[in-house]
């Protein structure tokens, strides 16, 4: 995991991060962060979309505890 900076994250920072790190790694970093801040997280799954009446996939989801 990258060392955290103290200054604000800019658009350029995000673009650079995403260009250097795989999307899977980004998802795992997000899960680690959210889990560490008290969210209940699930990784990879499906849900039924009530608007389109079709099954959908998600990479991760977080729910406040």
C-alpha atoms as a PDB file:
ATOM      1  CA  UNK A   1       0.000   0.000   0.000  1.00  0.00           C
ATOM      2  CA  UNK A   2       1.290   3.464  -0.890  1.00  0.00           C
ATOM      3  CA  UNK A   3       2.458   5.823   1.874  1.00  0.00           C
ATOM      4  CA  UNK A   4      -0.258   8.336   2.769  1.00  0.00           C
ATOM      5  CA  UNK A   5       0.346  11.990   1.966  1.00  0.00           C
ATOM      6  CA  UNK A   6      -0.797  14.800   4.235  1.00  0.00           C
ATOM      7  CA  UNK A   7      -1.804  17.191   1.400  1.00  0.00           C
ATOM      8  CA  UNK A   8      -5.069  17.099  -0.557  1.00  0.00           C
ATOM      9  CA  UNK A   9      -5.600  14.529  -3.293  1.00  0.00           C
ATOM     10  CA  UNK A  10      -5.865  16.138  -6.736  1.00  0.00           C
ATOM     11  CA  UNK A  11      -7.235  14.924 -10.074  1.00  0.00           C
ATOM     12  CA  UNK A  12      -3.640  14.441 -11.206  1.00  0.00           C
ATOM     13  CA  UNK A  13      -2.929  12.277  -8.147  1.00  0.00           C
ATOM     14  CA  UNK A  14      -5.894  10.020  -8.919  1.00  0.00           C
ATOM     15  CA  UNK A  15      -5.036   9.672 -12.600  1.00  0.00           C
ATOM     16  CA  UNK A  16      -1.429   8.844 -11.719  1.00  0.00           C
ATOM     17  CA  UNK A  17      -2.453   6.289  -9.110  1.00  0.00           C
ATOM     18  CA  UNK A  18      -4.873   4.550 -11.453  1.00  0.00           C
ATOM     19  CA  UNK A  19      -2.273   4.470 -14.235  1.00  0.00           C
ATOM     20  CA  UNK A  20       0.253   2.784 -11.929  1.00  0.00           C
ATOM     21  CA  UNK A  21      -1.911   0.405  -9.916  1.00  0.00           C
ATOM     22  CA  UNK A  22      -4.293  -2.277 -11.159  1.00  0.00           C
ATOM     23  CA  UNK A  23      -8.006  -1.842 -10.575  1.00  0.00           C
ATOM     24  CA  UNK A  24      -7.994  -4.975  -8.406  1.00  0.00           C
ATOM     25  CA  UNK A  25      -5.310  -3.473  -6.190  1.00  0.00           C
ATOM     26  CA  UNK A  26      -7.323  -0.233  -5.990  1.00  0.00           C
ATOM     27  CA  UNK A  27     -10.442  -2.176  -4.942  1.00  0.00           C
ATOM     28  CA  UNK A  28      -8.482  -4.035  -2.261  1.00  0.00           C
ATOM     29  CA  UNK A  29      -7.019  -0.768  -0.935  1.00  0.00           C
ATOM     30  CA  UNK A  30     -10.534   0.726  -0.753  1.00  0.00           C
ATOM     31  CA  UNK A  31     -11.835  -2.337   1.087  1.00  0.00           C
ATOM     32  CA  UNK A  32      -8.975  -2.188   3.572  1.00  0.00           C
ATOM     33  CA  UNK A  33      -9.568   1.510   4.201  1.00  0.00           C
ATOM     34  CA  UNK A  34     -13.344   1.207   4.571  1.00  0.00           C
ATOM     35  CA  UNK A  35     -13.092  -1.855   6.814  1.00  0.00           C
ATOM     36  CA  UNK A  36     -10.617   0.020   9.003  1.00  0.00           C
ATOM     37  CA  UNK A  37     -13.018   2.929   9.441  1.00  0.00           C
ATOM     38  CA  UNK A  38     -15.889   0.784  10.723  1.00  0.00           C
ATOM     39  CA  UNK A  39     -17.778  -0.138   7.560  1.00  0.00           C
ATOM     40  CA  UNK A  40     -19.038  -3.688   6.982  1.00  0.00           C
ATOM     41  CA  UNK A  41     -17.708  -4.632   3.546  1.00  0.00           C
ATOM     42  CA  UNK A  42     -18.491  -7.345   1.022  1.00  0.00           C
ATOM     43  CA  UNK A  43     -16.273  -8.119  -1.965  1.00  0.00           C
ATOM     44  CA  UNK A  44     -17.671  -9.532  -5.185  1.00  0.00           C
ATOM     45  CA  UNK A  45     -21.283 -10.565  -5.460  1.00  0.00           C
ATOM     46  CA  UNK A  46     -24.581 -10.067  -7.171  1.00  0.00           C
ATOM     47  CA  UNK A  47     -27.826  -8.303  -6.380  1.00  0.00           C
ATOM     48  CA  UNK A  48     -31.200  -7.977  -8.063  1.00  0.00           C
ATOM     49  CA  UNK A  49     -31.711  -4.558  -9.664  1.00  0.00           C
ATOM     50  CA  UNK A  50     -35.341  -3.566  -8.999  1.00  0.00           C
ATOM     51  CA  UNK A  51     -35.300  -0.887 -11.720  1.00  0.00           C
ATOM     52  CA  UNK A  52     -34.217  -3.113 -14.621  1.00  0.00           C
ATOM     53  CA  UNK A  53     -35.415  -6.362 -13.021  1.00  0.00           C
ATOM     54  CA  UNK A  54     -32.035  -7.991 -13.829  1.00  0.00           C
ATOM     55  CA  UNK A  55     -29.198  -9.432 -11.764  1.00  0.00           C
ATOM     56  CA  UNK A  56     -26.161  -7.134 -11.423  1.00  0.00           C
ATOM     57  CA  UNK A  57     -22.613  -7.633 -10.176  1.00  0.00           C
ATOM     58  CA  UNK A  58     -20.623  -5.509  -7.746  1.00  0.00           C
ATOM     59  CA  UNK A  59     -16.895  -5.432  -6.994  1.00  0.00           C
ATOM     60  CA  UNK A  60     -17.393  -4.317  -3.421  1.00  0.00           C
ATOM     61  CA  UNK A  61     -19.950  -2.615  -1.248  1.00  0.00           C
ATOM     62  CA  UNK A  62     -19.742  -0.960   2.125  1.00  0.00           C
ATOM     63  CA  UNK A  63     -22.460  -0.495   4.716  1.00  0.00           C
ATOM     64  CA  UNK A  64     -22.261   1.700   7.773  1.00  0.00           C
ATOM     65  CA  UNK A  65     -22.451  -0.231  10.998  1.00  0.00           C
END
